[in-house]
Amino acid sequence: MSTLVLALVLAGAPPEPVVLSTNTPAAVAEAMLPELQTGTLIFTKGDCIAVKVFTASPYTHVAGVVVKDGKPFVYDSTSGIGTRCLTFEDWLETQRPDSIHVFQPTEAFTPKRTESFMTSLDGQLDRPYSVKHHLTGKRCDGLHCAEYMTDALCAARLIQAKNPPRVSPASLREGLLKGELYAETASYQLPKVEPIAVKGNSWCSQLWIDTKVCTANCWSKMRRTCLCR
């Protein structure tokens, strides 16, 4: 991994970017570990055009953190996969090259709230992803990311929501900030995945290699922008 640009969000002041040099996702996770706690929410500004247009917001995804035995795990629901739980460093890899925004609860979760939050998230694992019911507001077999987090926060009795399927990452963020239940503490610009440089043994082989790299990059960009994956 190349560098990770860390922007600390200070109250009343613009973010001051700090460059954190690292070589592995594990090193990034270790650097961020002190600020993570059960109940931490991470909002992502990604490339998905559909979410951006429909919600009129740059926020395209939200995930929740649970700390187990001192290690942070991230729960989310994502297109093509569904609900899942990943180690923090593995989850970071899935979000590159987006920017992630860390939101902390203004009051640390009590043991009871922690248990309810985690139980709700665990109970919904392996459900398919669905976002169509965001339009109708009716429950279905699948869950989208904001619905998943809203249900968990409701189970923890931190918020109330009349219609979780209609909640978006942007509206969840806005509601938590207005209620002064959460505060944004930091933002991170994750680096792009740099392709491994390969040299061909002739101009023809080099042209073929460059074509494959270009095609792969274009496909990756299209998947993120149009398919939201």
C-alpha atoms as a PDB file:
ATOM      1  CA  MET A   1       0.000   0.000   0.000  1.00  0.00           C
ATOM      2  CA  SER A   2       1.201   3.527  -0.660  1.00  0.00           C
ATOM      3  CA  THR A   3       0.449   6.445   1.633  1.00  0.00           C
ATOM      4  CA  LEU A   4      -2.751   7.149   3.495  1.00  0.00           C
ATOM      5  CA  VAL A   5      -3.746  10.781   3.790  1.00  0.00           C
ATOM      6  CA  LEU A   6      -5.223  11.446   7.193  1.00  0.00           C
ATOM      7  CA  ALA A   7      -7.354  14.539   7.735  1.00  0.00           C
ATOM      8  CA  LEU A   8      -8.242  15.269  11.338  1.00  0.00           C
ATOM      9  CA  VAL A   9     -11.496  17.187  11.653  1.00  0.00           C
ATOM     10  CA  LEU A  10     -11.038  19.835  14.341  1.00  0.00           C
ATOM     11  CA  ALA A  11     -13.978  21.763  15.761  1.00  0.00           C
ATOM     12  CA  GLY A  12     -14.085  25.274  14.361  1.00  0.00           C
ATOM     13  CA  ALA A  13     -11.114  24.705  12.056  1.00  0.00           C
ATOM     14  CA  PRO A  14     -10.590  23.192   8.609  1.00  0.00           C
ATOM     15  CA  PRO A  15      -9.043  19.714   8.460  1.00  0.00           C
ATOM     16  CA  GLU A  16      -5.262  19.624   8.639  1.00  0.00           C
ATOM     17  CA  PRO A  17      -4.040  16.851   6.321  1.00  0.00           C
ATOM     18  CA  VAL A  18      -1.397  14.559   7.763  1.00  0.00           C
ATOM     19  CA  VAL A  19       0.468  11.994   5.680  1.00  0.00           C
ATOM     20  CA  LEU A  20       0.691   8.616   7.377  1.00  0.00           C
ATOM     21  CA  SER A  21       3.279   6.355   5.766  1.00  0.00           C
ATOM     22  CA  THR A  22       2.406   2.686   5.800  1.00  0.00           C
ATOM     23  CA  ASN A  23       2.939  -0.465   3.791  1.00  0.00           C
ATOM     24  CA  THR A  24       0.068  -2.738   4.828  1.00  0.00           C
ATOM     25  CA  PRO A  25      -3.654  -2.517   5.637  1.00  0.00           C
ATOM     26  CA  ALA A  26      -2.808  -3.941   9.060  1.00  0.00           C
ATOM     27  CA  ALA A  27      -0.573  -0.936   9.761  1.00  0.00           C
ATOM     28  CA  VAL A  28      -3.377   1.445   8.821  1.00  0.00           C
ATOM     29  CA  ALA A  29      -5.809  -0.382  11.075  1.00  0.00           C
ATOM     30  CA  GLU A  30      -3.313  -0.281  13.942  1.00  0.00           C
ATOM     31  CA  ALA A  31      -2.856   3.471  13.510  1.00  0.00           C
ATOM     32  CA  MET A  32      -6.617   4.029  13.657  1.00  0.00           C
ATOM     33  CA  LEU A  33      -7.314   1.556  16.463  1.00  0.00           C
ATOM     34  CA  PRO A  34      -7.231   4.079  19.355  1.00  0.00           C
ATOM     35  CA  GLU A  35     -10.197   6.038  17.968  1.00  0.00           C
ATOM     36  CA  LEU A  36     -12.423   3.045  17.226  1.00  0.00           C
ATOM     37  CA  GLN A  37     -15.042   1.804  19.661  1.00  0.00           C
ATOM     38  CA  THR A  38     -18.228  -0.220  19.559  1.00  0.00           C
ATOM     39  CA  GLY A  39     -20.811   2.067  18.001  1.00  0.00           C
ATOM     40  CA  THR A  40     -18.371   3.942  15.761  1.00  0.00           C
ATOM     41  CA  LEU A  41     -19.985   4.610  12.385  1.00  0.00           C
ATOM     42  CA  ILE A  42     -17.971   5.075   9.210  1.00  0.00           C
ATOM     43  CA  PHE A  43     -19.538   6.938   6.296  1.00  0.00           C
ATOM     44  CA  THR A  44     -17.999   6.609   2.847  1.00  0.00           C
ATOM     45  CA  LYS A  45     -17.873   9.073  -0.015  1.00  0.00           C
ATOM     46  CA  GLY A  46     -17.646   6.775  -3.011  1.00  0.00           C
ATOM     47  CA  ASP A  47     -18.248   6.760  -6.754  1.00  0.00           C
ATOM     48  CA  CYS A  48     -21.784   5.317  -6.916  1.00  0.00           C
ATOM     49  CA  ILE A  49     -23.712   7.718  -9.146  1.00  0.00           C
ATOM     50  CA  ALA A  50     -27.160   6.305  -8.335  1.00  0.00           C
ATOM     51  CA  VAL A  51     -26.849   6.936  -4.594  1.00  0.00           C
ATOM     52  CA  LYS A  52     -25.321  10.373  -5.099  1.00  0.00           C
ATOM     53  CA  VAL A  53     -28.077  11.504  -7.449  1.00  0.00           C
ATOM     54  CA  PHE A  54     -31.000  10.003  -5.543  1.00  0.00           C
ATOM     55  CA  THR A  55     -29.894  11.290  -2.127  1.00  0.00           C
ATOM     56  CA  ALA A  56     -28.322  14.552  -3.395  1.00  0.00           C
ATOM     57  CA  SER A  57     -25.334  13.771  -1.193  1.00  0.00           C
ATOM     58  CA  PRO A  58     -21.733  12.599  -1.630  1.00  0.00           C
ATOM     59  CA  TYR A  59     -22.207   9.954   1.085  1.00  0.00           C
ATOM     60  CA  THR A  60     -22.739   6.577  -0.551  1.00  0.00           C
ATOM     61  CA  HIS A  61     -22.198   4.006   2.214  1.00  0.00           C
ATOM     62  CA  VAL A  62     -22.235   3.514   5.978  1.00  0.00           C
ATOM     63  CA  ALA A  63     -20.783   0.796   8.206  1.00  0.00           C
ATOM     64  CA  GLY A  64     -20.656   0.110  11.944  1.00  0.00           C
ATOM     65  CA  VAL A  65     -17.821  -0.986  14.217  1.00  0.00           C
ATOM     66  CA  VAL A  66     -17.896  -3.553  16.999  1.00  0.00           C
ATOM     67  CA  VAL A  67     -14.794  -4.132  19.113  1.00  0.00           C
ATOM     68  CA  LYS A  68     -14.375  -7.769  20.161  1.00  0.00           C
ATOM     69  CA  ASP A  69     -11.489  -8.801  22.403  1.00  0.00           C
ATOM     70  CA  GLY A  70      -9.744  -5.520  21.613  1.00  0.00           C
ATOM     71  CA  LYS A  71     -10.046  -5.970  17.836  1.00  0.00           C
ATOM     72  CA  PRO A  72     -12.360  -3.846  15.648  1.00  0.00           C
ATOM     73  CA  PHE A  73     -14.722  -5.560  13.228  1.00  0.00           C
ATOM     74  CA  VAL A  74     -16.778  -3.738  10.628  1.00  0.00           C
ATOM     75  CA  TYR A  75     -20.354  -4.642   9.689  1.00  0.00           C
ATOM     76  CA  ASP A  76     -22.013  -3.412   6.506  1.00  0.00           C
ATOM     77  CA  SER A  77     -24.230  -4.428   3.608  1.00  0.00           C
ATOM     78  CA  THR A  78     -22.847  -3.996   0.133  1.00  0.00           C
ATOM     79  CA  SER A  79     -24.012  -4.552  -3.431  1.00  0.00           C
ATOM     80  CA  GLY A  80     -23.357  -8.035  -4.785  1.00  0.00           C
ATOM     81  CA  ILE A  81     -22.481  -9.431  -1.354  1.00  0.00           C
ATOM     82  CA  GLY A  82     -25.078  -8.520   1.266  1.00  0.00           C
ATOM     83  CA  THR A  83     -24.526  -8.143   4.994  1.00  0.00           C
ATOM     84  CA  ARG A  84     -21.083  -9.098   6.228  1.00  0.00           C
ATOM     85  CA  CYS A  85     -18.550  -8.719   9.034  1.00  0.00           C
ATOM     86  CA  LEU A  86     -14.896  -8.074   8.209  1.00  0.00           C
ATOM     87  CA  THR A  87     -11.760  -7.315  10.158  1.00  0.00           C
ATOM     88  CA  PHE A  88     -11.022  -3.620   9.993  1.00  0.00           C
ATOM     89  CA  GLU A  89      -7.990  -3.976   7.729  1.00  0.00           C
ATOM     90  CA  ASP A  90      -9.907  -6.214   5.310  1.00  0.00           C
ATOM     91  CA  TRP A  91     -12.775  -3.723   5.217  1.00  0.00           C
ATOM     92  CA  LEU A  92     -10.365  -0.868   4.486  1.00  0.00           C
ATOM     93  CA  GLU A  93      -9.230  -2.705   1.378  1.00  0.00           C
ATOM     94  CA  THR A  94     -12.809  -2.881   0.094  1.00  0.00           C
ATOM     95  CA  GLN A  95     -13.198   0.900   0.402  1.00  0.00           C
ATOM     96  CA  ARG A  96     -10.101   1.987  -1.515  1.00  0.00           C
ATOM     97  CA  PRO A  97      -9.818   4.578  -3.076  1.00  0.00           C
ATOM     98  CA  ASP A  98     -12.802   6.272  -1.368  1.00  0.00           C
ATOM     99  CA  SER A  99     -12.685   8.713   1.518  1.00  0.00           C
ATOM    100  CA  ILE A 100     -14.055   7.479   4.835  1.00  0.00           C
ATOM    101  CA  HIS A 101     -15.480   9.655   7.616  1.00  0.00           C
ATOM    102  CA  VAL A 102     -15.418   8.505  11.220  1.00  0.00           C
ATOM    103  CA  PHE A 103     -18.350   9.357  13.495  1.00  0.00           C
ATOM    104  CA  GLN A 104     -18.210   8.637  17.211  1.00  0.00           C
ATOM    105  CA  PRO A 105     -21.172   8.472  19.619  1.00  0.00           C
ATOM    106  CA  THR A 106     -21.203  11.506  21.911  1.00  0.00           C
ATOM    107  CA  GLU A 107     -21.659   9.089  24.808  1.00  0.00           C
ATOM    108  CA  ALA A 108     -19.844   5.760  24.859  1.00  0.00           C
ATOM    109  CA  PHE A 109     -22.103   2.730  24.566  1.00  0.00           C
ATOM    110  CA  THR A 110     -23.043   1.079  27.839  1.00  0.00           C
ATOM    111  CA  PRO A 111     -22.535  -2.697  28.133  1.00  0.00           C
ATOM    112  CA  LYS A 112     -26.273  -3.208  27.587  1.00  0.00           C
ATOM    113  CA  ARG A 113     -26.333  -0.977  24.504  1.00  0.00           C
ATOM    114  CA  THR A 114     -23.199  -2.663  23.180  1.00  0.00           C
ATOM    115  CA  GLU A 115     -24.799  -6.083  23.513  1.00  0.00           C
ATOM    116  CA  SER A 116     -28.010  -4.979  21.802  1.00  0.00           C
ATOM    117  CA  PHE A 117     -26.115  -3.294  18.952  1.00  0.00           C
ATOM    118  CA  MET A 118     -23.882  -6.315  18.333  1.00  0.00           C
ATOM    119  CA  THR A 119     -26.724  -8.836  18.652  1.00  0.00           C
ATOM    120  CA  SER A 120     -28.767  -6.951  16.060  1.00  0.00           C
ATOM    121  CA  LEU A 121     -25.864  -6.799  13.600  1.00  0.00           C
ATOM    122  CA  ASP A 122     -24.941 -10.459  14.076  1.00  0.00           C
ATOM    123  CA  GLY A 123     -28.565 -11.517  13.692  1.00  0.00           C
ATOM    124  CA  GLN A 124     -28.759  -9.988  10.210  1.00  0.00           C
ATOM    125  CA  LEU A 125     -25.553 -11.459   8.792  1.00  0.00           C
ATOM    126  CA  ASP A 126     -25.651 -13.244   5.428  1.00  0.00           C
ATOM    127  CA  ARG A 127     -28.799 -11.477   4.239  1.00  0.00           C
ATOM    128  CA  PRO A 128     -28.745 -10.401   0.579  1.00  0.00           C
ATOM    129  CA  TYR A 129     -28.279  -6.795  -0.466  1.00  0.00           C
ATOM    130  CA  SER A 130     -31.275  -4.891  -1.756  1.00  0.00           C
ATOM    131  CA  VAL A 131     -31.947  -1.212  -2.336  1.00  0.00           C
ATOM    132  CA  LYS A 132     -35.112  -1.250  -4.474  1.00  0.00           C
ATOM    133  CA  HIS A 133     -37.326  -1.251  -1.386  1.00  0.00           C
ATOM    134  CA  HIS A 134     -35.790   2.088  -0.404  1.00  0.00           C
ATOM    135  CA  LEU A 135     -38.318   3.563  -2.843  1.00  0.00           C
ATOM    136  CA  THR A 136     -41.366   1.727  -1.481  1.00  0.00           C
ATOM    137  CA  GLY A 137     -40.402   1.678   2.189  1.00  0.00           C
ATOM    138  CA  LYS A 138     -41.576  -1.915   2.483  1.00  0.00           C
ATOM    139  CA  ARG A 139     -39.365  -4.584   4.029  1.00  0.00           C
ATOM    140  CA  CYS A 140     -37.965  -7.345   1.830  1.00  0.00           C
ATOM    141  CA  ASP A 141     -35.497 -10.225   2.073  1.00  0.00           C
ATOM    142  CA  GLY A 142     -32.533  -7.911   1.518  1.00  0.00           C
ATOM    143  CA  LEU A 143     -31.005  -5.030   3.450  1.00  0.00           C
ATOM    144  CA  HIS A 144     -29.132  -1.953   2.311  1.00  0.00           C
ATOM    145  CA  CYS A 145     -26.353  -0.411   4.374  1.00  0.00           C
ATOM    146  CA  ALA A 146     -28.255   2.477   5.999  1.00  0.00           C
ATOM    147  CA  GLU A 147     -31.199   0.213   6.827  1.00  0.00           C
ATOM    148  CA  TYR A 148     -28.817  -2.281   8.444  1.00  0.00           C
ATOM    149  CA  MET A 149     -27.212   0.380  10.653  1.00  0.00           C
ATOM    150  CA  THR A 150     -30.557   2.036  11.461  1.00  0.00           C
ATOM    151  CA  ASP A 151     -32.013  -1.261  12.671  1.00  0.00           C
ATOM    152  CA  ALA A 152     -28.980  -1.827  14.911  1.00  0.00           C
ATOM    153  CA  LEU A 153     -29.158   1.674  16.402  1.00  0.00           C
ATOM    154  CA  CYS A 154     -32.877   1.214  17.025  1.00  0.00           C
ATOM    155  CA  ALA A 155     -32.221  -2.133  18.714  1.00  0.00           C
ATOM    156  CA  ALA A 156     -29.683  -0.375  20.940  1.00  0.00           C
ATOM    157  CA  ARG A 157     -32.401   2.171  21.818  1.00  0.00           C
ATOM    158  CA  LEU A 158     -30.251   5.047  20.635  1.00  0.00           C
ATOM    159  CA  ILE A 159     -32.678   6.239  17.943  1.00  0.00           C
ATOM    160  CA  GLN A 160     -36.199   5.648  16.691  1.00  0.00           C
ATOM    161  CA  ALA A 161     -37.039   5.303  13.004  1.00  0.00           C
ATOM    162  CA  LYS A 162     -40.513   5.001  11.486  1.00  0.00           C
ATOM    163  CA  ASN A 163     -39.284   3.513   8.228  1.00  0.00           C
ATOM    164  CA  PRO A 164     -35.685   2.203   8.218  1.00  0.00           C
ATOM    165  CA  PRO A 165     -35.803   1.075   4.542  1.00  0.00           C
ATOM    166  CA  ARG A 166     -36.225   4.738   3.525  1.00  0.00           C
ATOM    167  CA  VAL A 167     -33.131   5.851   5.450  1.00  0.00           C
ATOM    168  CA  SER A 168     -30.050   6.694   3.367  1.00  0.00           C
ATOM    169  CA  PRO A 169     -26.446   7.176   4.507  1.00  0.00           C
ATOM    170  CA  ALA A 170     -26.947  10.931   4.119  1.00  0.00           C
ATOM    171  CA  SER A 171     -30.212  11.100   6.092  1.00  0.00           C
ATOM    172  CA  LEU A 172     -28.840   8.844   8.847  1.00  0.00           C
ATOM    173  CA  ARG A 173     -25.788  11.078   9.171  1.00  0.00           C
ATOM    174  CA  GLU A 174     -27.912  14.221   9.240  1.00  0.00           C
ATOM    175  CA  GLY A 175     -30.267  12.839  11.868  1.00  0.00           C
ATOM    176  CA  LEU A 176     -27.453  11.699  14.169  1.00  0.00           C
ATOM    177  CA  LEU A 177     -25.741  15.081  13.928  1.00  0.00           C
ATOM    178  CA  LYS A 178     -28.945  17.067  14.504  1.00  0.00           C
ATOM    179  CA  GLY A 179     -29.769  14.933  17.522  1.00  0.00           C
ATOM    180  CA  GLU A 180     -26.218  15.453  18.799  1.00  0.00           C
ATOM    181  CA  LEU A 181     -25.925  11.706  19.167  1.00  0.00           C
ATOM    182  CA  TYR A 182     -22.765  11.499  17.043  1.00  0.00           C
ATOM    183  CA  ALA A 183     -19.913  13.770  16.058  1.00  0.00           C
ATOM    184  CA  GLU A 184     -17.505  13.512  13.133  1.00  0.00           C
ATOM    185  CA  THR A 185     -13.991  13.096  14.485  1.00  0.00           C
ATOM    186  CA  ALA A 186     -11.776  12.295  11.507  1.00  0.00           C
ATOM    187  CA  SER A 187     -11.689  11.663   7.779  1.00  0.00           C
ATOM    188  CA  TYR A 188      -9.294   9.541   5.772  1.00  0.00           C
ATOM    189  CA  GLN A 189      -8.563   9.561   2.056  1.00  0.00           C
ATOM    190  CA  LEU A 190      -7.665   6.003   1.178  1.00  0.00           C
ATOM    191  CA  PRO A 191      -5.040   5.527  -1.547  1.00  0.00           C
ATOM    192  CA  LYS A 192      -5.671   3.933  -4.910  1.00  0.00           C
ATOM    193  CA  VAL A 193      -4.609   0.355  -5.474  1.00  0.00           C
ATOM    194  CA  GLU A 194      -1.514   0.800  -7.583  1.00  0.00           C
ATOM    195  CA  PRO A 195      -1.000  -1.922 -10.219  1.00  0.00           C
ATOM    196  CA  ILE A 196       2.193  -3.932 -10.039  1.00  0.00           C
ATOM    197  CA  ALA A 197       4.587  -2.658 -12.671  1.00  0.00           C
ATOM    198  CA  VAL A 198       5.352  -5.335 -15.245  1.00  0.00           C
ATOM    199  CA  LYS A 199       7.825  -4.889 -18.062  1.00  0.00           C
ATOM    200  CA  GLY A 200       7.355  -6.723 -21.337  1.00  0.00           C
ATOM    201  CA  ASN A 201      10.261  -8.288 -23.176  1.00  0.00           C
ATOM    202  CA  SER A 202       9.273  -6.568 -26.428  1.00  0.00           C
ATOM    203  CA  TRP A 203       7.200  -3.631 -27.642  1.00  0.00           C
ATOM    204  CA  CYS A 204       4.398  -6.034 -28.561  1.00  0.00           C
ATOM    205  CA  SER A 205       4.241  -7.689 -25.134  1.00  0.00           C
ATOM    206  CA  GLN A 206       4.461  -4.292 -23.430  1.00  0.00           C
ATOM    207  CA  LEU A 207       1.552  -3.027 -25.531  1.00  0.00           C
ATOM    208  CA  TRP A 208      -0.469  -6.063 -24.502  1.00  0.00           C
ATOM    209  CA  ILE A 209       0.362  -5.545 -20.816  1.00  0.00           C
ATOM    210  CA  ASP A 210      -0.543  -1.844 -20.979  1.00  0.00           C
ATOM    211  CA  THR A 211      -3.828  -2.683 -22.691  1.00  0.00           C
ATOM    212  CA  LYS A 212      -4.759  -5.203 -20.004  1.00  0.00           C
ATOM    213  CA  VAL A 213      -3.957  -2.712 -17.218  1.00  0.00           C
ATOM    214  CA  CYS A 214      -5.965   0.043 -18.907  1.00  0.00           C
ATOM    215  CA  THR A 215      -8.935  -2.250 -19.483  1.00  0.00           C
ATOM    216  CA  ALA A 216      -8.874  -3.507 -15.891  1.00  0.00           C
ATOM    217  CA  ASN A 217      -8.762   0.053 -14.541  1.00  0.00           C
ATOM    218  CA  CYS A 218     -11.675   1.129 -16.755  1.00  0.00           C
ATOM    219  CA  TRP A 219     -13.753  -1.879 -15.689  1.00  0.00           C
ATOM    220  CA  SER A 220     -13.013  -1.237 -12.023  1.00  0.00           C
ATOM    221  CA  LYS A 221     -14.074   2.390 -12.367  1.00  0.00           C
ATOM    222  CA  MET A 222     -17.291   1.412 -14.164  1.00  0.00           C
ATOM    223  CA  ARG A 223     -18.154  -1.175 -11.508  1.00  0.00           C
ATOM    224  CA  ARG A 224     -17.758   1.401  -8.767  1.00  0.00           C
ATOM    225  CA  THR A 225     -19.574   4.178 -10.610  1.00  0.00           C
ATOM    226  CA  CYS A 226     -22.448   2.335 -12.312  1.00  0.00           C
ATOM    227  CA  LEU A 227     -22.783  -0.966 -10.432  1.00  0.00           C
ATOM    228  CA  CYS A 228     -21.874   0.484  -7.021  1.00  0.00           C
ATOM    229  CA  ARG A 229     -19.482  -2.387  -6.252  1.00  0.00           C
END
